[in-house]
Amino acid sequence: MENKILDSSNNETLFTGGTSRLRLFFLLPLSITILIIIFALSLILYHYKNSEIYNETVHINVPLEDLYNENIRYDVQALQTIMRALAQDEKLYDALARKNRELLLRRASPIFEDIKQSFNITHLYFTGTDSVNILRVHAPLRYGDVIERITMHQAEKSGLAAYGVELGPLGTFTLRFVDPWYDQNTHKLIGYVELGMEIDHVIDKLRNILGVQVIVLVNKEFLDRKKWESGMRALGLTPHWDRFLNVVESEQGMNTIPRLLAERLVHGDKITNNSILKSVEKNLAYRVTILPLQDATARSVAKIILLADISDELSESNKMIYMGSAIVLILGVMLIFFFYWLVGRIGRHIEKDEQALHDLATHDGLTGLYNHRFFYKKFQEELERARRFNHTVSLLMLDIDHFKSVNDTYGHQAGDAILSALSERLKNCVRSIDWVCRYGGEEITVILPETDKLGAEQAAEELRILIEQNPFDIGNDQYINITVSIGIATYPLDAQEVPLLISAVDTALYQAKEDGRNRVCAYSLTKNLEEKD
């Protein structure tokens, strides 16, 4: 039976079905909003004269927050996927563990350039266990400072990955993802890796998709005036700290603020969501939509203001009572179809990229089996499940007998062909609940959930006989026979923790080879103690 690709616990990290969900959560509220707008405008335009429109408050329920949060969520998913791919790079692991800046820079620079172009990544940090920065790949000359950001503190405190939007000293916002890396053998912390991307593209999407003017205002209480003014000058901008009473305009989403809004901000007047700013003298009117912008600690440090110019709409409403309704209806339908097409295209692109990155992070390139890192994660999950439900779990470790001789005699291509064919044969022979992983070299592990030692021995013997009796094609019409030695360890009989079970199965495999190879050997705690005595 063919081995499964992924269990349900991991499906949450994939974009499987993402296009449908994106259409549902984005287009459904957008469609409802458009229909409400059409219905409301039709009633207003039908029942009231032009003069009465100016006395009514027009409410527009733009799904701004959903759109912003969706973009942030998908960016977080992209950062998670990229981080998983980075975590598979053993050279990066080794360089971080040794705090070797030159090796880190040499290894990480081309990776950073690739993800910068493909995913708009703007920051890549490597930081030691003491929170001292080892390398900023995006700015390699800056290092040695202590990283004091919120997401870093959260990762240090929890020992797990942390992410969130953080406010910079210039009033800019960066989505950061900090992941603690541990030694794969000792599970000891070796440092932190941080990815970041500016949220400019999110603001640009709000501006482009909604077709409005976007202004980002940051509360002064969360900024250092000297640092902010110095940064503005460094960017070639004139700082205007005292222009408004309580806020400053962020460099992200920098625009010329309309006078109508500027006058309110100068006096610190409260601006409410869905309100209308009007100037009778200049025949100007703006509809205001406000989204509070929160950082990683859920503090409302800023707000995004969307200004939709409705001057022409109000001045021409009397002339377009019936025509306006028809135009809005047509545009609404076109907008829905446009977003339906656009969201589908984006969704399919994300699905394809994320699936490719996920396969890269969890599968061995040669055999197609799950890789060493995935094996540890899945074995731990199966062990916890067995402990919770009082079940057994067995682990097989297979090693090809005299594999070096095969490589020396027939060449490494023949060895690769055998490894690939053996992996395929194992996947086709195990149950759907079993997990086949490449542990390393020619060693392959098979996790057997809900299987006691007797069942594991029977399964191992069947695999051994199947491998022994069926030759392997190594190309050029050549077939050779190979044999395998198989070790077995069972929870809870032999051990109760992952490292101890792996040690036990490794001992059993060694015994199988000592006993003459081409055999199955189950770990025996009693026998092992006697041999030590």
Protein backbone atom coordinates (compact mmCIF):
# COMPACT_ATOMS: atom_id res chain seq x y z
CA MET A 1 0.00 0.00 0.00
CA GLU A 2 1.43 3.37 -0.96
CA ASN A 3 2.70 5.50 1.90
CA LYS A 4 0.78 8.66 2.58
CA ILE A 5 2.17 12.09 1.72
CA LEU A 6 1.19 14.06 4.80
CA ASP A 7 -1.04 13.68 7.83
CA SER A 8 -3.77 16.06 8.91
CA SER A 9 -1.66 17.75 11.57
CA ASN A 10 0.62 19.11 8.89
CA ASN A 11 -2.13 20.11 6.49
CA GLU A 12 -2.62 23.31 8.42
CA THR A 13 0.75 24.56 7.25
CA LEU A 14 0.01 23.89 3.59
CA PHE A 15 -2.04 25.90 1.18
CA THR A 16 -4.12 22.88 0.20
CA GLY A 17 -7.54 24.21 -0.83
CA GLY A 18 -6.16 27.71 -0.33
CA THR A 19 -7.64 29.15 -3.51
CA SER A 20 -11.17 28.15 -2.53
CA ARG A 21 -10.74 29.50 1.00
CA LEU A 22 -9.24 32.74 -0.31
CA ARG A 23 -12.16 33.21 -2.65
CA LEU A 24 -14.61 32.40 0.12
CA PHE A 25 -13.13 34.66 2.82
CA PHE A 26 -12.30 37.52 0.47
CA LEU A 27 -14.84 37.48 -2.33
CA LEU A 28 -17.86 36.56 -0.21
CA PRO A 29 -17.66 39.62 2.08
CA LEU A 30 -16.60 41.77 -0.88
CA SER A 31 -19.58 40.57 -2.93
CA ILE A 32 -21.96 41.09 -0.03
CA THR A 33 -20.51 44.55 0.53
CA ILE A 34 -20.93 45.48 -3.14
CA LEU A 35 -24.53 44.22 -3.17
CA ILE A 36 -25.30 46.21 -0.02
CA ILE A 37 -23.76 49.31 -1.57
CA ILE A 38 -25.74 48.86 -4.78
CA PHE A 39 -28.98 48.35 -2.89
CA ALA A 40 -28.35 51.31 -0.54
CA LEU A 41 -27.38 53.67 -3.34
CA SER A 42 -30.35 52.62 -5.43
CA LEU A 43 -32.75 53.42 -2.60
CA ILE A 44 -31.07 56.74 -1.84
CA LEU A 45 -30.90 57.78 -5.48
CA TYR A 46 -34.50 56.76 -6.05
CA HIS A 47 -36.16 58.35 -3.00
CA TYR A 48 -34.18 61.51 -2.38
CA LYS A 49 -33.32 64.57 -4.38
CA ASN A 50 -29.83 65.79 -4.97
CA SER A 51 -29.95 68.25 -2.06
CA GLU A 52 -30.87 65.53 0.43
CA ILE A 53 -27.85 63.37 -0.36
CA TYR A 54 -25.57 65.89 1.33
CA ASN A 55 -27.48 65.46 4.58
CA GLU A 56 -27.07 61.69 4.70
CA THR A 57 -24.10 59.68 5.99
CA VAL A 58 -22.88 57.19 3.44
CA HIS A 59 -21.45 54.07 5.02
CA ILE A 60 -19.00 51.95 3.09
CA ASN A 61 -18.12 48.62 4.63
CA VAL A 62 -14.88 47.86 2.85
CA PRO A 63 -13.37 44.59 4.07
CA LEU A 64 -10.15 46.44 4.80
CA GLU A 65 -9.20 44.55 7.94
CA ASP A 66 -9.82 41.17 6.31
CA LEU A 67 -7.73 42.15 3.30
CA TYR A 68 -4.87 43.38 5.48
CA ASN A 69 -4.96 40.35 7.77
CA GLU A 70 -5.16 37.93 4.83
CA ASN A 71 -2.04 39.47 3.30
CA ILE A 72 -0.20 39.32 6.62
CA ARG A 73 -1.27 35.69 7.15
CA TYR A 74 -0.03 34.61 3.73
CA ASP A 75 3.23 36.49 4.27
CA VAL A 76 3.65 34.63 7.59
CA GLN A 77 3.01 31.33 5.78
CA ALA A 78 5.64 32.26 3.19
CA LEU A 79 8.15 33.11 5.95
CA GLN A 80 7.39 29.81 7.72
CA THR A 81 7.93 27.84 4.52
CA ILE A 82 11.19 29.64 3.71
CA MET A 83 12.41 29.08 7.27
CA ARG A 84 11.71 25.35 6.94
CA ALA A 85 13.76 25.28 3.75
CA LEU A 86 16.63 27.14 5.44
CA ALA A 87 16.50 24.71 8.36
CA GLN A 88 17.36 21.85 6.00
CA ASP A 89 20.71 23.44 5.12
CA GLU A 90 23.27 21.62 7.28
CA LYS A 91 26.02 24.08 6.35
CA LEU A 92 23.96 26.97 7.73
CA TYR A 93 23.36 24.95 10.91
CA ASP A 94 27.08 24.28 11.28
CA ALA A 95 28.11 27.87 10.57
CA LEU A 96 25.58 29.24 13.10
CA ALA A 97 26.65 26.72 15.75
CA ARG A 98 30.29 27.80 15.25
CA LYS A 99 29.33 31.50 14.96
CA ASN A 100 31.39 31.63 11.76
CA ARG A 101 30.38 34.93 10.10
CA GLU A 102 32.37 34.36 6.92
CA LEU A 103 30.90 30.92 6.32
CA LEU A 104 27.40 32.16 7.16
CA LEU A 105 27.74 35.11 4.78
CA ARG A 106 29.15 32.97 1.97
CA ARG A 107 26.39 30.37 2.35
CA ALA A 108 23.46 32.71 3.05
CA SER A 109 24.13 35.54 0.57
CA PRO A 110 22.96 33.73 -2.60
CA ILE A 111 19.99 32.30 -0.70
CA PHE A 112 19.03 35.78 0.49
CA GLU A 113 19.25 37.24 -3.01
CA ASP A 114 16.97 34.48 -4.28
CA ILE A 115 14.28 34.87 -1.61
CA LYS A 116 14.57 38.65 -1.80
CA GLN A 117 13.62 38.60 -5.47
CA SER A 118 11.04 35.83 -5.18
CA PHE A 119 9.32 36.69 -1.89
CA ASN A 120 10.22 40.35 -1.12
CA ILE A 121 12.33 39.30 1.88
CA THR A 122 14.22 42.36 3.16
CA HIS A 123 15.91 41.04 6.31
CA LEU A 124 17.89 37.91 7.19
CA TYR A 125 19.56 37.76 10.62
CA PHE A 126 21.69 35.15 12.38
CA THR A 127 21.87 35.74 16.13
CA GLY A 128 23.66 33.86 18.92
CA THR A 129 22.09 32.32 21.98
CA ASP A 130 23.09 35.47 23.93
CA SER A 131 20.92 37.63 21.59
CA VAL A 132 24.05 39.21 20.09
CA ASN A 133 23.77 39.57 16.32
CA ILE A 134 26.29 37.47 14.39
CA LEU A 135 25.31 38.50 10.85
CA ARG A 136 22.83 40.66 9.02
CA VAL A 137 22.95 39.15 5.55
CA HIS A 138 21.19 42.23 4.13
CA ALA A 139 23.70 44.53 5.89
CA PRO A 140 26.81 42.42 6.65
CA LEU A 141 28.86 45.32 8.04
CA ARG A 142 26.45 45.75 10.97
CA TYR A 143 26.82 43.09 13.65
CA GLY A 144 27.70 42.58 17.30
CA ASP A 145 24.71 44.44 18.75
CA VAL A 146 22.11 42.93 21.05
CA ILE A 147 18.76 42.26 19.35
CA GLU A 148 16.07 43.70 21.63
CA ARG A 149 12.99 43.31 19.45
CA ILE A 150 9.66 41.95 20.65
CA THR A 151 9.68 38.85 18.45
CA MET A 152 13.20 37.98 19.62
CA HIS A 153 12.13 38.17 23.27
CA GLN A 154 9.08 36.03 22.53
CA ALA A 155 11.21 33.36 20.83
CA GLU A 156 13.70 33.41 23.71
CA LYS A 157 10.95 33.06 26.29
CA SER A 158 8.95 30.29 24.57
CA GLY A 159 11.76 28.43 22.83
CA LEU A 160 9.51 28.36 19.75
CA ALA A 161 9.18 30.39 16.56
CA ALA A 162 7.67 33.86 17.05
CA TYR A 163 6.38 36.35 14.52
CA GLY A 164 4.62 39.68 14.32
CA VAL A 165 4.62 43.17 12.85
CA GLU A 166 7.06 45.52 14.58
CA LEU A 167 7.43 49.30 14.46
CA GLY A 168 10.85 50.59 13.46
CA PRO A 169 12.49 53.84 14.62
CA LEU A 170 11.54 55.57 11.34
CA GLY A 171 7.87 54.73 11.74
CA THR A 172 8.11 51.84 9.27
CA PHE A 173 6.57 48.42 9.85
CA THR A 174 8.30 45.08 9.31
CA LEU A 175 6.82 41.59 9.54
CA ARG A 176 9.43 39.53 11.41
CA PHE A 177 9.73 35.76 11.92
CA VAL A 178 12.27 34.53 14.51
CA ASP A 179 13.05 30.81 14.74
CA PRO A 180 15.29 29.22 17.39
CA TRP A 181 17.58 26.54 15.91
CA TYR A 182 18.61 23.52 17.93
CA ASP A 183 21.36 20.96 17.46
CA GLN A 184 19.70 17.96 15.81
CA ASN A 185 21.55 15.49 18.02
CA THR A 186 21.77 17.22 21.42
CA HIS A 187 18.68 19.43 20.96
CA LYS A 188 20.70 22.27 22.46
CA LEU A 189 19.98 25.82 21.32
CA ILE A 190 22.62 27.06 18.86
CA GLY A 191 21.11 30.42 17.91
CA TYR A 192 18.27 32.27 16.24
CA VAL A 193 17.44 32.92 12.58
CA GLU A 194 15.22 35.84 11.66
CA LEU A 195 13.44 36.64 8.40
CA GLY A 196 11.70 39.94 7.76
CA MET A 197 9.78 41.72 5.09
CA GLU A 198 8.58 45.31 4.96
CA ILE A 199 4.80 45.62 4.70
CA ASP A 200 5.02 48.24 1.95
CA HIS A 201 3.61 45.72 -0.53
CA VAL A 202 0.57 45.21 1.70
CA ILE A 203 -0.07 48.95 1.75
CA ASP A 204 0.48 49.07 -2.02
CA LYS A 205 -2.12 46.31 -2.43
CA LEU A 206 -4.62 48.30 -0.39
CA ARG A 207 -3.96 51.31 -2.56
CA ASN A 208 -4.03 49.47 -5.89
CA ILE A 209 -6.85 47.02 -5.25
CA LEU A 210 -9.18 49.45 -3.50
CA GLY A 211 -8.16 52.38 -5.69
CA VAL A 212 -7.86 54.87 -2.82
CA GLN A 213 -5.30 57.16 -1.22
CA VAL A 214 -3.53 55.44 1.68
CA ILE A 215 -1.99 57.34 4.61
CA VAL A 216 -0.16 55.70 7.52
CA LEU A 217 -0.12 57.70 10.76
CA VAL A 218 2.06 56.60 13.69
CA ASN A 219 1.35 57.61 17.29
CA LYS A 220 4.20 59.77 18.58
CA GLU A 221 4.27 58.04 21.95
CA PHE A 222 5.83 54.96 20.33
CA LEU A 223 8.67 56.85 18.55
CA ASP A 224 11.93 58.47 19.65
CA ARG A 225 11.86 61.98 18.19
CA LYS A 226 15.63 62.32 17.71
CA LYS A 227 15.99 58.94 16.00
CA TRP A 228 12.95 59.61 13.80
CA GLU A 229 14.13 63.04 12.68
CA SER A 230 17.67 61.77 12.06
CA GLY A 231 16.31 58.88 9.99
CA MET A 232 14.06 61.13 7.92
CA ARG A 233 17.02 63.36 7.07
CA ALA A 234 19.10 60.31 6.13
CA LEU A 235 16.34 59.36 3.67
CA GLY A 236 16.43 62.84 2.16
CA LEU A 237 13.05 63.77 3.68
CA THR A 238 12.18 66.85 5.72
CA PRO A 239 11.01 65.83 9.20
CA HIS A 240 7.82 67.54 10.43
CA TRP A 241 7.48 66.24 13.99
CA ASP A 242 5.36 69.17 15.18
CA ARG A 243 3.10 69.33 12.13
CA PHE A 244 0.36 67.28 13.82
CA LEU A 245 -0.59 67.08 17.48
CA ASN A 246 -0.45 63.36 18.23
CA VAL A 247 0.81 61.59 15.10
CA VAL A 248 3.47 61.65 12.39
CA GLU A 249 3.18 60.32 8.86
CA SER A 250 5.03 57.07 8.22
CA GLU A 251 7.59 56.84 5.40
CA GLN A 252 5.63 53.74 4.28
CA GLY A 253 2.59 54.96 2.39
CA MET A 254 4.04 58.51 2.28
CA ASN A 255 1.57 60.83 0.55
CA THR A 256 0.56 64.44 0.50
CA ILE A 257 -2.19 64.62 3.10
CA PRO A 258 -5.25 66.49 1.84
CA ARG A 259 -5.89 69.79 3.58
CA LEU A 260 -9.27 68.58 4.86
CA LEU A 261 -7.59 65.80 6.82
CA ALA A 262 -4.49 67.82 7.77
CA GLU A 263 -6.64 70.45 9.50
CA ARG A 264 -8.24 67.78 11.68
CA LEU A 265 -4.86 66.27 12.58
CA VAL A 266 -3.29 69.63 13.47
CA HIS A 267 -5.87 70.17 16.21
CA GLY A 268 -5.96 66.53 17.27
CA ASP A 269 -9.61 66.17 16.28
CA LYS A 270 -10.99 62.63 16.35
CA ILE A 271 -11.59 61.12 12.93
CA THR A 272 -14.18 58.34 12.90
CA ASN A 273 -14.43 55.37 10.59
CA ASN A 274 -16.84 55.66 7.64
CA SER A 275 -17.13 59.41 8.11
CA ILE A 276 -17.14 61.95 5.27
CA LEU A 277 -14.84 64.98 5.11
CA LYS A 278 -16.37 67.78 3.06
CA SER A 279 -15.38 71.29 2.00
CA VAL A 280 -18.31 73.22 0.57
CA GLU A 281 -16.04 76.07 -0.64
CA LYS A 282 -13.82 73.85 -2.77
CA ASN A 283 -16.48 71.25 -3.55
CA LEU A 284 -14.33 68.46 -2.13
CA ALA A 285 -15.40 65.37 -0.22
CA TYR A 286 -13.57 62.30 1.03
CA ARG A 287 -14.90 59.11 2.51
CA VAL A 288 -12.68 57.89 5.38
CA THR A 289 -11.91 54.28 6.29
CA ILE A 290 -9.63 53.59 9.26
CA LEU A 291 -7.74 50.42 10.18
CA PRO A 292 -5.86 50.34 13.53
CA LEU A 293 -2.37 48.95 12.97
CA GLN A 294 -1.15 46.70 15.78
CA ASP A 295 2.37 45.51 16.55
CA ALA A 296 3.45 42.08 17.82
CA THR A 297 2.26 42.90 21.36
CA ALA A 298 -1.23 43.91 20.11
CA ARG A 299 -0.60 47.59 20.84
CA SER A 300 -2.39 49.99 18.47
CA VAL A 301 0.72 51.93 17.46
CA ALA A 302 -0.61 53.42 14.24
CA LYS A 303 -3.57 53.55 11.88
CA ILE A 304 -4.04 53.20 8.16
CA ILE A 305 -6.37 55.82 6.73
CA LEU A 306 -7.97 55.26 3.33
CA LEU A 307 -9.34 58.34 1.62
CA ALA A 308 -11.75 57.82 -1.24
CA ASP A 309 -12.48 60.98 -3.20
CA ILE A 310 -16.27 61.21 -3.59
CA SER A 311 -16.46 64.81 -4.74
CA ASP A 312 -17.65 64.01 -8.24
CA GLU A 313 -20.02 61.38 -6.96
CA LEU A 314 -21.81 63.84 -4.72
CA SER A 315 -21.89 66.70 -7.23
CA GLU A 316 -23.24 64.58 -10.06
CA SER A 317 -25.62 62.38 -8.08
CA ASN A 318 -28.72 64.33 -9.14
CA LYS A 319 -27.91 63.79 -12.83
CA MET A 320 -27.17 60.10 -12.52
CA ILE A 321 -30.09 58.78 -10.46
CA TYR A 322 -30.82 55.80 -12.69
CA MET A 323 -27.63 55.68 -14.71
CA GLY A 324 -25.55 55.60 -11.55
CA SER A 325 -27.32 52.51 -10.23
CA ALA A 326 -26.73 50.66 -13.48
CA ILE A 327 -23.06 51.67 -13.63
CA VAL A 328 -22.46 50.65 -10.02
CA LEU A 329 -24.16 47.33 -10.69
CA ILE A 330 -22.04 46.65 -13.78
CA LEU A 331 -18.84 47.75 -12.09
CA GLY A 332 -19.67 45.64 -9.05
CA VAL A 333 -20.16 42.51 -11.15
CA MET A 334 -16.98 43.24 -13.11
CA LEU A 335 -15.08 43.80 -9.87
CA ILE A 336 -16.30 40.49 -8.46
CA PHE A 337 -15.31 38.64 -11.63
CA PHE A 338 -11.99 40.44 -11.70
CA PHE A 339 -11.19 39.51 -8.11
CA TYR A 340 -12.44 35.98 -8.73
CA TRP A 341 -9.93 35.66 -11.56
CA LEU A 342 -7.14 37.49 -9.69
CA VAL A 343 -7.56 35.58 -6.44
CA GLY A 344 -7.62 32.28 -8.34
CA ARG A 345 -4.41 33.15 -10.11
CA ILE A 346 -2.67 34.25 -6.92
CA GLY A 347 -3.97 31.20 -5.05
CA ARG A 348 -2.71 28.76 -7.65
CA HIS A 349 0.68 30.45 -7.67
CA ILE A 350 0.95 30.25 -3.88
CA GLU A 351 -0.22 26.62 -3.88
CA LYS A 352 2.47 25.68 -6.39
CA ASP A 353 5.27 27.56 -4.64
CA GLU A 354 4.35 26.41 -1.15
CA GLN A 355 3.98 22.77 -2.20
CA ALA A 356 7.40 22.91 -3.84
CA LEU A 357 8.97 24.46 -0.75
CA HIS A 358 7.21 21.99 1.53
CA ASP A 359 8.44 19.00 -0.50
CA LEU A 360 11.93 20.45 -0.40
CA ALA A 361 11.78 20.79 3.38
CA THR A 362 10.37 17.34 4.21
CA HIS A 363 11.52 14.90 1.52
CA ASP A 364 14.83 13.37 0.50
CA GLY A 365 15.78 14.37 -3.02
CA LEU A 366 17.12 10.99 -4.18
CA THR A 367 14.62 8.52 -2.77
CA GLY A 368 11.50 10.65 -2.37
CA LEU A 369 11.20 9.39 1.21
CA TYR A 370 10.69 11.64 4.19
CA ASN A 371 13.98 13.08 5.36
CA HIS A 372 15.92 12.81 8.62
CA ARG A 373 14.38 15.95 10.18
CA PHE A 374 10.83 14.88 9.35
CA PHE A 375 11.53 11.42 10.82
CA TYR A 376 12.33 12.87 14.24
CA LYS A 377 9.25 15.07 14.21
CA LYS A 378 6.89 12.30 13.09
CA PHE A 379 8.38 9.68 15.44
CA GLN A 380 7.92 12.07 18.38
CA GLU A 381 4.28 12.63 17.36
CA GLU A 382 3.58 8.89 17.07
CA LEU A 383 5.25 8.28 20.42
CA GLU A 384 3.12 10.93 22.12
CA ARG A 385 -0.02 9.49 20.53
CA ALA A 386 0.90 5.98 21.69
CA ARG A 387 1.57 7.26 25.20
CA ARG A 388 -1.77 9.08 25.28
CA PHE A 389 -3.82 6.07 24.14
CA ASN A 390 -1.66 3.38 25.77
CA HIS A 391 -0.67 1.85 22.40
CA THR A 392 2.57 0.39 21.13
CA VAL A 393 4.87 1.77 18.44
CA SER A 394 7.67 -0.14 16.75
CA LEU A 395 10.62 1.18 14.79
CA LEU A 396 12.52 -0.65 12.06
CA MET A 397 15.96 0.39 10.86
CA LEU A 398 17.16 -1.19 7.59
CA ASP A 399 20.71 -1.15 6.31
CA ILE A 400 21.80 -2.55 2.95
CA ASP A 401 24.39 -5.29 3.44
CA HIS A 402 27.78 -4.66 1.80
CA PHE A 403 26.48 -1.50 0.14
CA LYS A 404 29.99 -0.12 -0.20
CA SER A 405 30.92 -3.14 -2.28
CA VAL A 406 27.97 -2.44 -4.59
CA ASN A 407 29.18 1.12 -5.10
CA ASP A 408 32.78 0.01 -5.60
CA THR A 409 31.83 -2.74 -8.05
CA TYR A 410 29.02 -1.16 -10.07
CA GLY A 411 29.47 2.54 -9.40
CA HIS A 412 27.58 5.10 -7.35
CA GLN A 413 24.86 5.46 -10.00
CA ALA A 414 24.00 1.82 -9.44
CA GLY A 415 23.96 2.46 -5.69
CA ASP A 416 21.60 5.38 -6.17
CA ALA A 417 19.34 3.25 -8.39
CA ILE A 418 19.18 0.57 -5.72
CA LEU A 419 18.39 3.10 -2.98
CA SER A 420 15.64 4.63 -5.10
CA ALA A 421 14.13 1.27 -6.08
CA LEU A 422 14.37 -0.05 -2.52
CA SER A 423 12.58 3.05 -1.22
CA GLU A 424 9.79 2.63 -3.76
CA ARG A 425 9.47 -1.05 -2.89
CA LEU A 426 9.21 -0.26 0.83
CA LYS A 427 6.58 2.44 0.28
CA ASN A 428 4.46 0.00 -1.71
CA CYS A 429 4.70 -2.75 0.92
CA VAL A 430 3.94 -0.97 4.18
CA ARG A 431 0.54 -0.03 5.55
CA SER A 432 -1.09 3.34 4.95
CA ILE A 433 -0.45 4.32 8.58
CA ASP A 434 3.27 3.50 8.44
CA TRP A 435 6.02 6.05 7.73
CA VAL A 436 9.11 5.28 5.64
CA CYS A 437 12.02 7.74 6.07
CA ARG A 438 15.58 7.97 4.89
CA TYR A 439 17.61 8.15 8.08
CA GLY A 440 20.99 8.65 6.43
CA GLY A 441 23.26 7.01 3.87
CA GLU A 442 21.79 3.59 3.09
CA GLU A 443 19.88 3.46 6.40
CA ILE A 444 16.10 3.61 6.15
CA THR A 445 13.65 3.74 9.07
CA VAL A 446 10.05 2.54 9.14
CA ILE A 447 7.71 3.79 11.88
CA LEU A 448 5.02 1.20 12.65
CA PRO A 449 2.22 2.75 14.76
CA GLU A 450 0.05 0.43 16.88
CA THR A 451 2.45 -2.49 16.29
CA ASP A 452 3.92 -4.68 19.02
CA LYS A 453 7.27 -6.45 18.79
CA LEU A 454 5.84 -9.66 17.34
CA GLY A 455 4.00 -7.75 14.62
CA ALA A 456 7.13 -5.72 13.89
CA GLU A 457 9.21 -8.90 13.56
CA GLN A 458 6.71 -10.39 11.11
CA ALA A 459 6.61 -7.19 9.05
CA ALA A 460 10.42 -6.92 9.05
CA GLU A 461 10.86 -10.53 7.99
CA GLU A 462 8.42 -10.06 5.11
CA LEU A 463 10.37 -7.02 3.94
CA ARG A 464 13.68 -8.85 4.26
CA ILE A 465 12.44 -11.82 2.18
CA LEU A 466 10.88 -9.52 -0.42
CA ILE A 467 14.16 -7.65 -0.86
CA GLU A 468 16.28 -10.81 -0.92
CA GLN A 469 14.15 -12.63 -3.49
CA ASN A 470 13.63 -9.81 -6.02
CA PRO A 471 16.67 -8.56 -7.97
CA PHE A 472 17.24 -4.83 -8.51
CA ASP A 473 17.66 -3.21 -11.92
CA ILE A 474 20.84 -1.11 -11.99
CA GLY A 475 20.65 -0.20 -15.67
CA ASN A 476 22.16 -1.56 -18.88
CA ASP A 477 20.08 -4.74 -18.50
CA GLN A 478 21.92 -5.61 -15.30
CA TYR A 479 20.16 -7.00 -12.24
CA ILE A 480 21.73 -7.74 -8.89
CA ASN A 481 20.49 -9.20 -5.63
CA ILE A 482 20.95 -7.42 -2.35
CA THR A 483 20.08 -8.23 1.23
CA VAL A 484 19.33 -6.04 4.21
CA SER A 485 19.84 -6.26 7.95
CA ILE A 486 16.95 -4.99 10.04
CA GLY A 487 16.90 -3.87 13.68
CA ILE A 488 13.70 -3.56 15.72
CA ALA A 489 12.84 -1.57 18.86
CA THR A 490 9.41 -1.20 20.43
CA TYR A 491 7.77 1.32 22.73
CA PRO A 492 7.23 0.95 25.64
CA LEU A 493 8.95 -2.42 25.97
CA ASP A 494 12.46 -1.34 24.99
CA ALA A 495 12.46 2.38 25.78
CA GLN A 496 10.06 5.28 26.26
CA GLU A 497 11.82 8.24 24.67
CA VAL A 498 12.79 8.93 21.06
CA PRO A 499 16.59 9.08 21.57
CA LEU A 500 16.57 5.86 23.61
CA LEU A 501 14.43 4.03 21.07
CA ILE A 502 16.72 5.11 18.24
CA SER A 503 19.71 3.95 20.27
CA ALA A 504 17.95 0.61 20.87
CA VAL A 505 17.07 0.03 17.23
CA ASP A 506 20.61 0.98 16.22
CA THR A 507 21.94 -1.60 18.69
CA ALA A 508 19.59 -4.23 17.26
CA LEU A 509 20.74 -3.41 13.71
CA TYR A 510 24.36 -3.72 14.77
CA GLN A 511 23.59 -7.12 16.31
CA ALA A 512 21.91 -8.27 13.08
CA LYS A 513 25.08 -7.43 11.17
CA GLU A 514 27.26 -9.07 13.80
CA ASP A 515 25.17 -12.24 13.52
CA GLY A 516 25.91 -12.56 9.82
CA ARG A 517 23.69 -9.95 8.06
CA ASN A 518 20.55 -10.63 6.00
CA ARG A 519 18.51 -11.12 9.13
CA VAL A 520 16.09 -9.43 11.51
CA CYS A 521 17.14 -8.73 15.08
CA ALA A 522 14.87 -7.32 17.77
CA TYR A 523 16.35 -5.34 20.62
CA SER A 524 16.40 -7.15 23.96
CA LEU A 525 17.04 -5.08 27.07
CA THR A 526 17.91 -8.20 29.11
CA LYS A 527 20.35 -9.49 26.51
CA ASN A 528 21.92 -6.08 26.18
CA LEU A 529 22.50 -5.86 29.95
CA GLU A 530 23.99 -9.37 30.02
CA GLU A 531 26.44 -8.49 27.25
CA LYS A 532 27.50 -5.39 29.15
CA ASP A 533 28.03 -7.46 32.29
